[in-house]
Protein backbone atom coordinates (compact mmCIF):
# COMPACT_ATOMS: atom_id res chain seq x y z
CA UNK A 1 27.23 25.81 38.69
CA UNK A 2 24.90 23.45 37.24
CA UNK A 3 23.27 20.88 38.65
CA UNK A 4 22.63 16.86 37.53
CA UNK A 5 19.66 15.84 37.70
CA UNK A 6 19.07 12.52 39.84
CA UNK A 7 16.44 10.84 37.43
CA UNK A 8 17.31 11.48 34.39
CA UNK A 9 14.64 11.63 31.46
CA UNK A 10 13.81 8.28 30.51
CA UNK A 11 13.88 7.51 26.45
CA UNK A 12 10.31 6.81 24.68
CA UNK A 13 9.54 5.67 21.70
CA UNK A 14 6.64 7.93 19.19
CA UNK A 15 4.10 5.50 19.27
CA UNK A 16 4.62 5.48 23.81
CA UNK A 17 3.29 8.75 23.34
CA UNK A 18 -0.04 10.37 23.17
CA UNK A 19 -1.48 11.65 19.77
CA UNK A 20 -0.53 15.50 20.31
CA UNK A 21 -3.61 16.19 17.86
CA UNK A 22 -7.10 14.71 17.86
CA UNK A 23 -8.40 13.34 15.27
CA UNK A 24 -11.11 15.08 14.53
CA UNK A 25 -8.78 18.25 14.52
CA UNK A 26 -7.76 16.64 10.87
CA UNK A 27 -11.10 17.33 9.53
CA UNK A 28 -10.73 21.37 9.86
CA UNK A 29 -7.91 21.29 7.63
CA UNK A 30 -8.54 23.73 4.68
CA UNK A 31 -8.37 21.03 1.45
CA UNK A 32 -9.14 17.68 0.30
CA UNK A 33 -6.62 15.22 1.43
CA UNK A 34 -5.34 12.14 -0.08
CA UNK A 35 -3.92 8.97 1.53
CA UNK A 36 -0.35 8.43 1.54
CA UNK A 37 -0.89 5.54 -0.67
CA UNK A 38 -3.18 6.90 -3.08
CA UNK A 39 -0.58 9.78 -3.64
CA UNK A 40 1.77 7.59 -3.31
CA UNK A 41 1.25 4.97 -6.71
CA UNK A 42 0.46 8.98 -8.40
CA UNK A 43 3.47 9.98 -8.42
CA UNK A 44 5.25 6.95 -8.66
CA UNK A 45 2.67 5.74 -11.85
CA UNK A 46 3.00 9.93 -13.60
CA UNK A 47 7.45 9.92 -12.90
CA UNK A 48 7.64 6.98 -14.59
CA UNK A 49 5.04 7.74 -17.59
CA UNK A 50 6.36 11.15 -17.88
CA UNK A 51 9.66 9.73 -18.16
CA UNK A 52 9.01 7.22 -20.45
CA UNK A 53 7.38 9.49 -22.00
CA UNK A 54 10.18 11.26 -23.10
CA UNK A 55 11.94 8.61 -23.71
CA UNK A 56 9.45 6.84 -26.49
CA UNK A 57 7.35 8.86 -27.19
CA UNK A 58 3.53 7.80 -26.38
CA UNK A 59 4.14 4.56 -25.82
CA UNK A 60 7.05 4.95 -23.44
CA UNK A 61 4.89 7.17 -21.32
CA UNK A 62 2.28 3.62 -21.36
CA UNK A 63 5.13 1.75 -20.73
CA UNK A 64 6.16 3.95 -18.28
CA UNK A 65 2.58 4.75 -16.42
CA UNK A 66 2.85 0.25 -16.10
CA UNK A 67 6.15 0.16 -14.47
CA UNK A 68 4.95 3.34 -11.96
CA UNK A 69 1.80 1.41 -10.83
CA UNK A 70 4.17 -1.97 -10.74
CA UNK A 71 7.14 -0.45 -8.59
CA UNK A 72 3.97 1.43 -5.99
CA UNK A 73 2.96 -2.93 -5.56
CA UNK A 74 6.12 -3.81 -5.05
CA UNK A 75 7.01 -0.87 -2.24
CA UNK A 76 3.33 -1.63 -0.79
CA UNK A 77 4.44 -5.15 -0.20
CA UNK A 78 8.19 -4.73 1.02
CA UNK A 79 6.31 -1.74 3.25
CA UNK A 80 3.71 -4.91 4.67
CA UNK A 81 6.06 -7.08 5.64
CA UNK A 82 8.54 -5.41 6.45
CA UNK A 83 5.95 -3.38 8.97
CA UNK A 84 3.34 -7.24 10.59
CA UNK A 85 6.81 -8.70 11.21
CA UNK A 86 6.98 -12.13 11.48
CA UNK A 87 3.65 -14.51 11.15
CA UNK A 88 2.55 -16.00 13.90
CA UNK A 89 3.98 -20.39 15.09
CA UNK A 90 1.98 -22.95 13.63
CA UNK A 91 0.06 -25.19 15.75
CA UNK A 92 2.09 -28.16 15.69
CA UNK A 93 -0.10 -31.05 14.07
CA UNK A 94 -1.09 -33.75 16.16
CA UNK A 95 0.70 -37.08 16.54
CA UNK A 96 -0.87 -39.51 14.62
CA UNK A 97 -2.60 -42.77 15.99
């Protein structure tokens, strides 16, 4: 027969827990590390460029790369806006004399 715990573990958010690895551990990985934003821009531009090349040749590839860069920029702005939260309230202007 299993006993019920009196104090069940509390729900913990992932950002409340300390990191499992230290920052110095990241330097021991083999090969180059790309920042996630650079990898995202590269994948989007290359993917849209390839798709444009398949559809319309060289001109389509150029337009596709530009579209991929635009999508990456829009994603960056969207994620930044969502993550940063609400802006602080503006101070009210002083009353007129």
